[in-house]
Amino acid sequence: QRAAVSIISNIAEGFSRQTDREFVQFLHIAKGSTSEVQSQLYIAADLGYISQEEFTKLYNQADEVARLLTGFIKYLKGVSN
């Protein structure tokens, strides 16, 4: 739960920074938190806390978040150059 909250928190904190470069840094941290969520989903599934169906749905959602963050990072780096 903390890792999931960390994703949006880092996006918000980065947005408040003065430069795109700083924003990108926080977007990278948010992307790392997305990977953390995905690894915790594996643990939850292995321990039987969530079904395989729930795992797949949530993992794919986290994967989409990671892809969106990657695209936004690329966009901001292109704007800054």
Protein backbone atom coordinates (compact mmCIF):
# COMPACT_ATOMS: atom_id res chain seq x y z
CA GLN A 1 0.00 0.00 0.00
CA ARG A 2 2.84 2.38 0.83
CA ALA A 3 4.53 1.76 -2.52
CA ALA A 4 1.28 2.52 -4.36
CA VAL A 5 0.86 5.76 -2.43
CA SER A 6 4.51 6.58 -3.14
CA ILE A 7 3.81 6.58 -6.89
CA ILE A 8 1.32 9.44 -6.81
CA SER A 9 3.18 11.23 -4.03
CA ASN A 10 6.37 11.39 -6.08
CA ILE A 11 4.49 12.58 -9.15
CA ALA A 12 2.90 15.35 -7.08
CA GLU A 13 6.18 16.33 -5.45
CA GLY A 14 7.99 16.38 -8.78
CA PHE A 15 5.24 18.51 -10.32
CA SER A 16 5.84 21.18 -7.69
CA ARG A 17 9.55 21.43 -8.52
CA GLN A 18 11.01 24.32 -10.47
CA THR A 19 12.42 22.47 -13.48
CA ASP A 20 11.52 19.63 -15.81
CA ARG A 21 14.81 17.98 -14.85
CA GLU A 22 13.74 17.77 -11.21
CA PHE A 23 10.27 16.59 -12.26
CA VAL A 24 11.85 13.81 -14.33
CA GLN A 25 13.90 12.72 -11.32
CA PHE A 26 10.72 12.27 -9.28
CA LEU A 27 9.00 10.49 -12.16
CA HIS A 28 11.86 7.98 -12.16
CA ILE A 29 11.32 7.45 -8.44
CA ALA A 30 7.59 6.95 -9.07
CA LYS A 31 8.44 4.39 -11.76
CA GLY A 32 10.63 2.56 -9.26
CA SER A 33 7.71 2.47 -6.83
CA THR A 34 5.62 0.93 -9.61
CA SER A 35 8.14 -1.89 -9.88
CA GLU A 36 7.98 -2.28 -6.12
CA VAL A 37 4.20 -2.66 -6.33
CA GLN A 38 4.60 -5.32 -9.00
CA SER A 39 7.05 -7.30 -6.89
CA GLN A 40 4.70 -7.08 -3.90
CA LEU A 41 1.90 -8.40 -6.10
CA TYR A 42 4.00 -11.50 -6.76
CA ILE A 43 4.40 -11.98 -3.03
CA ALA A 44 0.67 -11.46 -2.39
CA ALA A 45 -0.21 -14.02 -5.06
CA ASP A 46 2.37 -16.54 -3.82
CA LEU A 47 1.00 -16.25 -0.28
CA GLY A 48 -2.59 -16.62 -1.48
CA TYR A 49 -3.72 -13.12 -0.51
CA ILE A 50 -4.95 -12.43 -4.03
CA SER A 51 -6.15 -14.70 -6.82
CA GLN A 52 -4.28 -15.19 -10.08
CA GLU A 53 -7.00 -13.17 -11.78
CA GLU A 54 -6.54 -10.26 -9.36
CA PHE A 55 -2.77 -10.52 -9.74
CA THR A 56 -2.97 -10.32 -13.52
CA LYS A 57 -5.37 -7.37 -13.48
CA LEU A 58 -3.36 -5.38 -10.94
CA TYR A 59 0.01 -6.26 -12.46
CA ASN A 60 -1.19 -5.10 -15.88
CA GLN A 61 -2.48 -1.85 -14.40
CA ALA A 62 0.88 -1.23 -12.75
CA ASP A 63 2.59 -2.05 -16.04
CA GLU A 64 0.44 0.56 -17.79
CA VAL A 65 1.37 3.14 -15.15
CA ALA A 66 5.06 2.36 -15.76
CA ARG A 67 4.60 2.77 -19.52
CA LEU A 68 2.80 6.09 -19.05
CA LEU A 69 5.54 7.34 -16.75
CA THR A 70 8.19 6.31 -19.27
CA GLY A 71 6.37 8.19 -22.02
CA PHE A 72 6.02 11.28 -19.85
CA ILE A 73 9.72 11.15 -18.93
CA LYS A 74 10.67 10.92 -22.62
CA TYR A 75 8.35 13.82 -23.44
CA LEU A 76 9.79 16.04 -20.71
CA LYS A 77 13.36 15.20 -21.72
CA GLY A 78 12.49 16.13 -25.32
CA VAL A 79 10.97 19.44 -24.25
CA SER A 80 14.02 20.27 -22.14
CA ASN A 81 16.48 19.67 -24.98
